[in-house]
């Protein structure tokens, strides 16, 4: 039996925090300290089987700019499942809880996805952003063309033009 639990970063005990970090190191063949930092400060969704942590996803608050509006976004980070537990629907279970959090607290959900993850997210109703992407940096708005086509959104209550520009707030490391 797989248990899914949502918990804020502040409520993760040190043992669980270390287990999450280890799981993500294994799932992604390493995780940079900046990427680790990006998944902290929000809600973590944990998948456990017995006492073992087998999956993780988190959602953190970010601000996205679109169509002249600042939007409160639930940005999804660090979705990973232990290698021996993949292809069993655990990613979908994690995302179901993430989506519940996004729909209850944010204007939209957003995430960056590679080819493999894109299949999971698109199958769950996340929509590929087709317009240009940018980031609001200390130097001003900077285009991020390398991210074009890899950003997905989950609309909640705010109308979105998926072909318009989408700009994320600044952060260290990978902007998206």
N, C-alpha and C. Protein backbone atom coordinates (compact mmCIF):
# COMPACT_ATOMS: atom_id res chain seq x y z
N UNK A 1 0.84 -1.18 0.00
CA UNK A 1 0.00 0.00 0.00
C UNK A 1 0.89 1.24 0.00
N UNK A 2 0.54 2.19 -0.85
CA UNK A 2 1.30 3.43 -0.96
C UNK A 2 0.52 4.54 -0.27
N UNK A 3 1.19 5.23 0.64
CA UNK A 3 0.61 6.36 1.36
C UNK A 3 1.13 7.65 0.77
N UNK A 4 0.24 8.62 0.57
CA UNK A 4 0.60 9.94 0.07
C UNK A 4 0.33 10.94 1.18
N UNK A 5 1.32 11.78 1.46
CA UNK A 5 1.22 12.75 2.54
C UNK A 5 1.74 14.09 2.05
N UNK A 6 1.00 15.16 2.33
CA UNK A 6 1.44 16.52 2.02
C UNK A 6 1.89 17.18 3.32
N UNK A 7 3.08 17.79 3.28
CA UNK A 7 3.64 18.42 4.47
C UNK A 7 4.47 19.63 4.05
N UNK A 8 4.38 20.70 4.83
CA UNK A 8 5.17 21.89 4.54
C UNK A 8 6.62 21.65 4.93
N UNK A 9 7.53 22.34 4.24
CA UNK A 9 8.96 22.23 4.54
C UNK A 9 9.22 22.40 6.03
N UNK A 10 8.54 23.35 6.66
CA UNK A 10 8.77 23.63 8.09
C UNK A 10 8.45 22.44 8.97
N UNK A 11 7.62 21.52 8.47
CA UNK A 11 7.20 20.37 9.26
C UNK A 11 7.92 19.08 8.91
N UNK A 12 8.90 19.16 8.00
CA UNK A 12 9.71 17.98 7.69
C UNK A 12 10.75 17.79 8.79
N UNK A 13 10.80 16.61 9.37
CA UNK A 13 11.83 16.34 10.36
C UNK A 13 13.15 16.12 9.64
N UNK A 14 14.28 16.24 10.34
CA UNK A 14 15.59 16.10 9.69
C UNK A 14 15.79 14.76 8.97
N UNK A 15 15.26 13.69 9.52
CA UNK A 15 15.42 12.38 8.89
C UNK A 15 14.68 12.33 7.55
N UNK A 16 13.46 12.87 7.51
CA UNK A 16 12.69 12.89 6.27
C UNK A 16 13.34 13.83 5.26
N UNK A 17 13.81 14.98 5.71
CA UNK A 17 14.49 15.92 4.81
C UNK A 17 15.69 15.25 4.15
N UNK A 18 16.47 14.52 4.93
CA UNK A 18 17.63 13.82 4.38
C UNK A 18 17.19 12.73 3.41
N UNK A 19 16.12 12.01 3.73
CA UNK A 19 15.61 10.96 2.84
C UNK A 19 15.13 11.54 1.52
N UNK A 20 14.47 12.71 1.56
CA UNK A 20 14.03 13.38 0.34
C UNK A 20 15.24 13.75 -0.51
N UNK A 21 16.24 14.35 0.12
CA UNK A 21 17.45 14.75 -0.61
C UNK A 21 18.12 13.55 -1.27
N UNK A 22 18.23 12.45 -0.53
CA UNK A 22 18.83 11.23 -1.06
C UNK A 22 18.02 10.68 -2.22
N UNK A 23 16.69 10.63 -2.07
CA UNK A 23 15.81 10.15 -3.15
C UNK A 23 16.01 10.97 -4.41
N UNK A 24 16.06 12.30 -4.26
CA UNK A 24 16.22 13.17 -5.43
C UNK A 24 17.60 13.02 -6.05
N UNK A 25 18.63 12.84 -5.23
CA UNK A 25 19.97 12.58 -5.76
C UNK A 25 19.95 11.33 -6.65
N UNK A 26 19.28 10.30 -6.17
CA UNK A 26 19.21 9.04 -6.92
C UNK A 26 18.32 9.17 -8.16
N UNK A 27 17.18 9.82 -8.01
CA UNK A 27 16.22 9.92 -9.12
C UNK A 27 16.76 10.74 -10.28
N UNK A 28 17.59 11.74 -9.97
CA UNK A 28 18.09 12.63 -11.02
C UNK A 28 19.59 12.46 -11.28
N UNK A 29 20.18 11.39 -10.77
CA UNK A 29 21.63 11.20 -10.90
C UNK A 29 22.37 12.44 -10.43
N UNK A 30 21.94 12.95 -9.30
CA UNK A 30 22.53 14.15 -8.71
C UNK A 30 21.58 15.31 -8.79
N UNK A 31 21.63 16.16 -7.78
CA UNK A 31 20.80 17.37 -7.75
C UNK A 31 21.68 18.49 -7.20
N UNK A 32 21.72 19.60 -7.90
CA UNK A 32 22.56 20.71 -7.45
C UNK A 32 21.96 21.33 -6.18
N UNK A 33 22.78 22.04 -5.45
CA UNK A 33 22.28 22.70 -4.24
C UNK A 33 21.24 23.76 -4.59
N UNK A 34 21.38 24.42 -5.74
CA UNK A 34 20.37 25.40 -6.16
C UNK A 34 19.05 24.70 -6.48
N UNK A 35 19.10 23.57 -7.16
CA UNK A 35 17.86 22.84 -7.45
C UNK A 35 17.22 22.32 -6.16
N UNK A 36 18.05 21.88 -5.23
CA UNK A 36 17.54 21.45 -3.93
C UNK A 36 16.84 22.62 -3.24
N UNK A 37 17.48 23.77 -3.27
CA UNK A 37 16.90 24.96 -2.64
C UNK A 37 15.57 25.34 -3.29
N UNK A 38 15.45 25.14 -4.60
CA UNK A 38 14.21 25.50 -5.32
C UNK A 38 13.01 24.70 -4.83
N UNK A 39 13.22 23.51 -4.32
CA UNK A 39 12.08 22.69 -3.91
C UNK A 39 11.69 22.89 -2.45
N UNK A 40 12.39 23.77 -1.74
CA UNK A 40 12.11 24.02 -0.33
C UNK A 40 11.23 25.26 -0.15
N UNK A 41 10.54 25.31 0.98
CA UNK A 41 9.76 26.49 1.32
C UNK A 41 8.29 26.40 0.95
N UNK A 42 7.87 25.25 0.50
CA UNK A 42 6.47 25.07 0.11
C UNK A 42 5.94 23.76 0.65
N UNK A 43 5.06 23.15 -0.11
CA UNK A 43 4.43 21.90 0.29
C UNK A 43 5.13 20.74 -0.43
N UNK A 44 5.53 19.74 0.34
CA UNK A 44 6.13 18.53 -0.20
C UNK A 44 5.07 17.44 -0.18
N UNK A 45 4.99 16.70 -1.25
CA UNK A 45 4.12 15.53 -1.30
C UNK A 45 5.04 14.31 -1.31
N UNK A 46 4.84 13.46 -0.33
CA UNK A 46 5.68 12.29 -0.13
C UNK A 46 4.90 11.02 -0.41
N UNK A 47 5.52 10.10 -1.11
CA UNK A 47 4.94 8.76 -1.33
C UNK A 47 5.77 7.78 -0.52
N UNK A 48 5.09 7.01 0.31
CA UNK A 48 5.76 6.01 1.13
C UNK A 48 5.11 4.66 0.91
N UNK A 49 5.96 3.65 0.91
CA UNK A 49 5.48 2.27 0.90
C UNK A 49 6.13 1.61 2.11
N UNK A 50 5.29 1.20 3.03
CA UNK A 50 5.82 0.76 4.32
C UNK A 50 6.46 1.98 4.97
N UNK A 51 7.67 1.86 5.43
CA UNK A 51 8.37 3.00 5.99
C UNK A 51 9.30 3.69 5.01
N UNK A 52 9.32 3.21 3.77
CA UNK A 52 10.28 3.72 2.79
C UNK A 52 9.73 4.87 1.96
N UNK A 53 10.52 5.92 1.83
CA UNK A 53 10.17 7.02 0.94
C UNK A 53 10.48 6.57 -0.48
N UNK A 54 9.45 6.59 -1.36
CA UNK A 54 9.65 6.12 -2.73
C UNK A 54 9.33 7.19 -3.77
N UNK A 55 8.78 8.33 -3.34
CA UNK A 55 8.47 9.39 -4.29
C UNK A 55 8.33 10.73 -3.61
N UNK A 56 8.57 11.79 -4.38
CA UNK A 56 8.51 13.15 -3.86
C UNK A 56 8.12 14.12 -4.97
N UNK A 57 7.39 15.15 -4.60
CA UNK A 57 7.13 16.30 -5.45
C UNK A 57 6.90 17.48 -4.51
N UNK A 58 7.21 18.67 -4.97
CA UNK A 58 6.91 19.84 -4.14
C UNK A 58 6.30 20.93 -5.00
N UNK A 59 5.61 21.82 -4.32
CA UNK A 59 5.04 23.00 -4.98
C UNK A 59 5.40 24.21 -4.12
N UNK A 60 6.01 25.20 -4.78
CA UNK A 60 6.43 26.42 -4.10
C UNK A 60 5.77 27.61 -4.77
N UNK A 61 5.62 28.69 -4.04
CA UNK A 61 5.00 29.88 -4.62
C UNK A 61 6.02 30.68 -5.41
N UNK A 62 5.61 31.06 -6.62
CA UNK A 62 6.39 31.96 -7.46
C UNK A 62 5.44 32.96 -8.06
N UNK A 63 6.00 34.02 -8.60
CA UNK A 63 5.19 35.01 -9.29
C UNK A 63 5.52 34.94 -10.78
N UNK A 64 4.48 34.79 -11.59
CA UNK A 64 4.63 34.81 -13.04
C UNK A 64 3.90 36.03 -13.58
N UNK A 65 4.45 36.63 -14.61
CA UNK A 65 3.82 37.78 -15.26
C UNK A 65 3.26 37.32 -16.60
N UNK A 66 2.00 37.70 -16.83
CA UNK A 66 1.34 37.34 -18.09
C UNK A 66 0.22 38.32 -18.39
N UNK A 67 0.25 38.83 -19.60
CA UNK A 67 -0.83 39.69 -20.09
C UNK A 67 -1.07 40.88 -19.15
N UNK A 68 0.03 41.47 -18.67
CA UNK A 68 -0.08 42.65 -17.81
C UNK A 68 -0.48 42.36 -16.37
N UNK A 69 -0.48 41.10 -15.98
CA UNK A 69 -0.89 40.73 -14.62
C UNK A 69 0.23 39.94 -13.92
N UNK A 70 0.32 40.15 -12.62
CA UNK A 70 1.18 39.32 -11.78
C UNK A 70 0.31 38.20 -11.23
N UNK A 71 0.74 36.96 -11.47
CA UNK A 71 -0.04 35.80 -11.06
C UNK A 71 0.69 35.02 -9.98
N UNK A 72 -0.06 34.59 -8.98
CA UNK A 72 0.49 33.74 -7.92
C UNK A 72 0.48 32.31 -8.46
N UNK A 73 1.66 31.77 -8.66
CA UNK A 73 1.79 30.45 -9.27
C UNK A 73 2.27 29.42 -8.25
N UNK A 74 1.67 28.26 -8.30
CA UNK A 74 2.18 27.10 -7.60
C UNK A 74 3.14 26.42 -8.56
N UNK A 75 4.44 26.57 -8.30
CA UNK A 75 5.46 26.06 -9.22
C UNK A 75 5.92 24.69 -8.72
N UNK A 76 5.81 23.71 -9.57
CA UNK A 76 6.12 22.32 -9.20
C UNK A 76 7.60 22.05 -9.40
N UNK A 77 8.19 21.45 -8.39
CA UNK A 77 9.63 21.15 -8.39
C UNK A 77 9.85 19.71 -7.93
N UNK A 78 10.97 19.16 -8.33
CA UNK A 78 11.53 17.93 -7.77
C UNK A 78 10.56 16.76 -7.73
N UNK A 79 9.91 16.49 -8.87
CA UNK A 79 9.05 15.32 -8.97
C UNK A 79 9.95 14.14 -9.30
N UNK A 80 10.06 13.22 -8.36
CA UNK A 80 10.94 12.07 -8.56
C UNK A 80 10.41 10.83 -7.87
N UNK A 81 10.62 9.69 -8.51
CA UNK A 81 10.21 8.40 -7.96
C UNK A 81 11.44 7.50 -7.97
N UNK A 82 11.63 6.76 -6.90
CA UNK A 82 12.74 5.83 -6.79
C UNK A 82 12.72 4.89 -8.00
N UNK A 83 13.90 4.61 -8.55
CA UNK A 83 14.03 3.82 -9.77
C UNK A 83 13.30 2.48 -9.73
N UNK A 84 13.31 1.82 -8.60
CA UNK A 84 12.67 0.50 -8.51
C UNK A 84 11.15 0.57 -8.39
N UNK A 85 10.61 1.78 -8.31
CA UNK A 85 9.15 1.94 -8.16
C UNK A 85 8.52 2.69 -9.33
N UNK A 86 9.27 2.94 -10.38
CA UNK A 86 8.73 3.68 -11.51
C UNK A 86 7.77 2.83 -12.32
N UNK A 87 6.92 3.54 -13.08
CA UNK A 87 5.94 2.91 -13.97
C UNK A 87 4.87 2.15 -13.20
N UNK A 88 4.58 2.62 -11.98
CA UNK A 88 3.52 2.01 -11.16
C UNK A 88 2.44 3.01 -10.80
N UNK A 89 2.47 4.20 -11.42
CA UNK A 89 1.44 5.21 -11.16
C UNK A 89 1.75 6.14 -10.00
N UNK A 90 2.92 6.03 -9.42
CA UNK A 90 3.26 6.85 -8.25
C UNK A 90 3.40 8.32 -8.63
N UNK A 91 3.99 8.60 -9.80
CA UNK A 91 4.08 9.99 -10.27
C UNK A 91 2.70 10.61 -10.39
N UNK A 92 1.74 9.86 -10.89
CA UNK A 92 0.37 10.35 -10.99
C UNK A 92 -0.25 10.61 -9.63
N UNK A 93 0.04 9.75 -8.66
CA UNK A 93 -0.47 9.95 -7.30
C UNK A 93 0.11 11.22 -6.68
N UNK A 94 1.41 11.41 -6.88
CA UNK A 94 2.06 12.63 -6.38
C UNK A 94 1.43 13.86 -7.02
N UNK A 95 1.25 13.81 -8.34
CA UNK A 95 0.70 14.96 -9.06
C UNK A 95 -0.75 15.24 -8.69
N UNK A 96 -1.53 14.22 -8.39
CA UNK A 96 -2.92 14.44 -7.98
C UNK A 96 -2.96 15.32 -6.73
N UNK A 97 -2.09 15.05 -5.78
CA UNK A 97 -2.06 15.85 -4.56
C UNK A 97 -1.49 17.24 -4.83
N UNK A 98 -0.46 17.32 -5.66
CA UNK A 98 0.09 18.63 -6.05
C UNK A 98 -1.01 19.47 -6.70
N UNK A 99 -1.77 18.88 -7.60
CA UNK A 99 -2.83 19.60 -8.31
C UNK A 99 -3.93 20.06 -7.34
N UNK A 100 -4.23 19.27 -6.33
CA UNK A 100 -5.19 19.69 -5.31
C UNK A 100 -4.70 20.95 -4.60
N UNK A 101 -3.42 20.97 -4.25
CA UNK A 101 -2.83 22.14 -3.59
C UNK A 101 -2.87 23.34 -4.53
N UNK A 102 -2.47 23.15 -5.78
CA UNK A 102 -2.45 24.25 -6.75
C UNK A 102 -3.85 24.83 -6.92
N UNK A 103 -4.84 23.98 -7.13
CA UNK A 103 -6.21 24.46 -7.36
C UNK A 103 -6.79 25.17 -6.14
N UNK A 104 -6.33 24.81 -4.97
CA UNK A 104 -6.86 25.42 -3.75
C UNK A 104 -6.15 26.68 -3.31
N UNK A 105 -4.96 26.98 -3.87
CA UNK A 105 -4.18 28.08 -3.33
C UNK A 105 -3.59 29.05 -4.35
N UNK A 106 -3.64 28.74 -5.64
CA UNK A 106 -2.91 29.54 -6.62
C UNK A 106 -3.77 29.94 -7.81
N UNK A 107 -3.30 30.94 -8.55
CA UNK A 107 -3.96 31.35 -9.78
C UNK A 107 -3.75 30.34 -10.90
N UNK A 108 -2.61 29.66 -10.87
CA UNK A 108 -2.28 28.64 -11.86
C UNK A 108 -1.13 27.80 -11.32
N UNK A 109 -0.97 26.64 -11.92
CA UNK A 109 0.21 25.83 -11.66
C UNK A 109 1.16 26.00 -12.83
N UNK A 110 2.45 25.79 -12.58
CA UNK A 110 3.45 25.87 -13.65
C UNK A 110 4.60 24.94 -13.30
N UNK A 111 5.29 24.48 -14.34
CA UNK A 111 6.45 23.62 -14.15
C UNK A 111 7.24 23.57 -15.44
N UNK A 112 8.50 23.21 -15.31
CA UNK A 112 9.36 22.94 -16.47
C UNK A 112 9.52 21.44 -16.59
N UNK A 113 9.42 20.92 -17.82
CA UNK A 113 9.46 19.47 -18.00
C UNK A 113 10.37 19.07 -19.14
N UNK A 114 11.06 17.96 -18.95
CA UNK A 114 11.80 17.32 -20.03
C UNK A 114 10.85 16.43 -20.81
N UNK A 115 11.37 15.73 -21.80
CA UNK A 115 10.53 14.91 -22.67
C UNK A 115 9.75 13.84 -21.92
N UNK A 116 10.41 13.15 -20.99
CA UNK A 116 9.74 12.07 -20.27
C UNK A 116 8.64 12.61 -19.36
N UNK A 117 8.94 13.66 -18.61
CA UNK A 117 7.95 14.24 -17.73
C UNK A 117 6.78 14.86 -18.48
N UNK A 118 7.07 15.40 -19.66
CA UNK A 118 6.02 16.06 -20.45
C UNK A 118 4.86 15.11 -20.72
N UNK A 119 5.14 13.85 -20.94
CA UNK A 119 4.07 12.88 -21.19
C UNK A 119 3.16 12.73 -19.99
N UNK A 120 3.74 12.67 -18.80
CA UNK A 120 2.95 12.57 -17.57
C UNK A 120 2.07 13.80 -17.40
N UNK A 121 2.66 14.99 -17.53
CA UNK A 121 1.93 16.21 -17.26
C UNK A 121 0.84 16.46 -18.30
N UNK A 122 1.15 16.27 -19.57
CA UNK A 122 0.14 16.47 -20.62
C UNK A 122 -1.02 15.50 -20.44
N UNK A 123 -0.72 14.29 -20.05
CA UNK A 123 -1.77 13.30 -19.81
C UNK A 123 -2.67 13.64 -18.65
N UNK A 124 -2.22 14.54 -17.78
CA UNK A 124 -3.00 14.95 -16.62
C UNK A 124 -3.71 16.29 -16.85
N UNK A 125 -3.61 16.82 -18.07
CA UNK A 125 -4.31 18.07 -18.37
C UNK A 125 -3.48 19.33 -18.27
N UNK A 126 -2.19 19.20 -17.96
CA UNK A 126 -1.31 20.35 -17.98
C UNK A 126 -1.12 20.74 -19.45
N UNK A 127 -1.05 22.04 -19.70
CA UNK A 127 -0.97 22.53 -21.07
C UNK A 127 0.40 23.13 -21.35
N UNK A 128 0.97 22.75 -22.50
CA UNK A 128 2.27 23.28 -22.90
C UNK A 128 2.13 24.76 -23.22
N UNK A 129 3.02 25.59 -22.66
CA UNK A 129 3.05 27.02 -22.98
C UNK A 129 3.68 27.17 -24.35
N UNK A 130 2.94 27.75 -25.29
CA UNK A 130 3.41 27.85 -26.67
C UNK A 130 4.04 29.20 -26.99
N UNK A 131 3.88 30.16 -26.10
CA UNK A 131 4.44 31.49 -26.34
C UNK A 131 5.86 31.61 -25.83
N UNK A 132 6.44 32.79 -26.00
CA UNK A 132 7.82 33.01 -25.54
C UNK A 132 7.89 33.07 -24.01
N UNK A 133 9.02 32.61 -23.49
CA UNK A 133 9.27 32.67 -22.05
C UNK A 133 10.40 33.64 -21.77
N UNK A 134 10.31 34.25 -20.59
CA UNK A 134 11.31 35.22 -20.16
C UNK A 134 11.45 35.12 -18.64
N UNK A 135 12.43 35.84 -18.13
CA UNK A 135 12.63 35.92 -16.68
C UNK A 135 12.87 37.38 -16.31
N UNK A 136 12.30 37.79 -15.19
CA UNK A 136 12.54 39.12 -14.65
C UNK A 136 13.80 39.03 -13.79
N UNK A 137 14.90 39.57 -14.26
CA UNK A 137 16.19 39.45 -13.59
C UNK A 137 16.60 40.82 -13.05
N UNK A 138 17.67 40.89 -12.27
CA UNK A 138 18.15 42.20 -11.83
C UNK A 138 18.52 43.13 -12.99
N UNK A 139 18.81 42.55 -14.16
CA UNK A 139 19.13 43.35 -15.35
C UNK A 139 17.88 43.68 -16.17
N UNK A 140 16.71 43.29 -15.71
CA UNK A 140 15.46 43.52 -16.45
C UNK A 140 14.92 42.21 -17.00
N UNK A 141 13.94 42.32 -17.89
CA UNK A 141 13.34 41.13 -18.49
C UNK A 141 14.30 40.56 -19.54
N UNK A 142 14.61 39.28 -19.39
CA UNK A 142 15.54 38.59 -20.29
C UNK A 142 14.82 37.39 -20.88
N UNK A 143 14.83 37.28 -22.19
CA UNK A 143 14.22 36.12 -22.86
C UNK A 143 14.96 34.84 -22.47
N UNK A 144 14.20 33.77 -22.35
CA UNK A 144 14.75 32.45 -22.05
C UNK A 144 14.32 31.47 -23.15
N UNK A 145 14.83 31.67 -24.37
CA UNK A 145 14.36 30.84 -25.49
C UNK A 145 14.65 29.36 -25.32
N UNK A 146 15.66 29.01 -24.53
CA UNK A 146 15.97 27.60 -24.29
C UNK A 146 14.86 26.90 -23.52
N UNK A 147 13.99 27.67 -22.87
CA UNK A 147 12.88 27.10 -22.11
C UNK A 147 11.58 27.04 -22.92
N UNK A 148 11.55 27.73 -24.06
CA UNK A 148 10.34 27.72 -24.88
C UNK A 148 9.95 26.28 -25.22
N UNK A 149 8.70 25.97 -25.01
CA UNK A 149 8.18 24.64 -25.30
C UNK A 149 8.33 23.64 -24.18
N UNK A 150 9.05 23.99 -23.12
CA UNK A 150 9.23 23.05 -22.01
C UNK A 150 8.47 23.46 -20.75
N UNK A 151 7.74 24.57 -20.80
CA UNK A 151 6.96 25.03 -19.66
C UNK A 151 5.51 24.56 -19.83
N UNK A 152 4.96 24.02 -18.76
CA UNK A 152 3.57 23.58 -18.74
C UNK A 152 2.83 24.36 -17.67
N UNK A 153 1.54 24.62 -17.91
CA UNK A 153 0.72 25.31 -16.94
C UNK A 153 -0.55 24.51 -16.68
N UNK A 154 -1.08 24.70 -15.48
CA UNK A 154 -2.36 24.14 -15.10
C UNK A 154 -3.26 25.33 -14.77
N UNK A 155 -4.11 25.73 -15.72
CA UNK A 155 -4.98 26.88 -15.45
C UNK A 155 -5.93 26.58 -14.30
N UNK A 156 -6.19 27.58 -13.48
CA UNK A 156 -7.14 27.42 -12.38
C UNK A 156 -8.33 28.35 -12.66
N UNK A 157 -8.22 29.63 -12.31
CA UNK A 157 -9.33 30.54 -12.52
C UNK A 157 -8.98 31.75 -13.38
N UNK A 158 -7.74 31.88 -13.78
CA UNK A 158 -7.29 33.05 -14.52
C UNK A 158 -7.22 32.70 -16.01
N UNK A 159 -7.83 33.52 -16.88
CA UNK A 159 -7.70 33.22 -18.31
C UNK A 159 -6.25 33.39 -18.77
N UNK A 160 -5.80 32.46 -19.60
CA UNK A 160 -4.42 32.47 -20.09
C UNK A 160 -4.41 32.40 -21.60
N UNK A 161 -3.54 33.18 -22.20
CA UNK A 161 -3.28 33.07 -23.64
C UNK A 161 -1.99 32.28 -23.77
N UNK A 162 -2.10 30.99 -24.08
CA UNK A 162 -0.94 30.10 -24.11
C UNK A 162 0.07 30.46 -25.19
N UNK A 163 -0.25 31.42 -26.05
CA UNK A 163 0.69 31.87 -27.07
C UNK A 163 1.33 33.20 -26.70
N UNK A 164 0.90 33.78 -25.58
CA UNK A 164 1.47 35.05 -25.13
C UNK A 164 2.77 34.84 -24.39
N UNK A 165 3.36 35.95 -23.95
CA UNK A 165 4.62 35.87 -23.19
C UNK A 165 4.34 35.48 -21.75
N UNK A 166 5.21 34.66 -21.19
CA UNK A 166 5.16 34.27 -19.78
C UNK A 166 6.52 34.57 -19.18
N UNK A 167 6.52 35.33 -18.10
CA UNK A 167 7.77 35.75 -17.45
C UNK A 167 7.77 35.28 -16.01
N UNK A 168 8.86 34.63 -15.62
CA UNK A 168 8.99 34.17 -14.23
C UNK A 168 9.79 35.16 -13.41
N UNK A 169 9.63 35.07 -12.09
CA UNK A 169 10.43 35.87 -11.18
C UNK A 169 11.86 35.34 -11.17
N UNK A 170 12.75 36.11 -10.62
CA UNK A 170 14.17 35.75 -10.58
C UNK A 170 14.47 34.84 -9.42
N UNK A 171 15.42 33.94 -9.63
CA UNK A 171 15.97 33.10 -8.57
C UNK A 171 17.35 32.63 -9.01
N UNK A 172 18.17 32.24 -8.06
CA UNK A 172 19.50 31.75 -8.38
C UNK A 172 19.40 30.43 -9.11
N UNK A 173 20.35 30.15 -9.98
CA UNK A 173 20.36 28.90 -10.71
C UNK A 173 19.41 28.94 -11.89
N UNK A 174 18.81 27.77 -12.18
CA UNK A 174 17.86 27.69 -13.29
C UNK A 174 16.67 28.58 -13.03
N UNK A 175 16.43 29.51 -13.94
CA UNK A 175 15.34 30.46 -13.74
C UNK A 175 13.97 29.79 -13.79
N UNK A 176 13.83 28.83 -14.65
CA UNK A 176 12.56 28.10 -14.76
C UNK A 176 12.71 26.77 -14.05
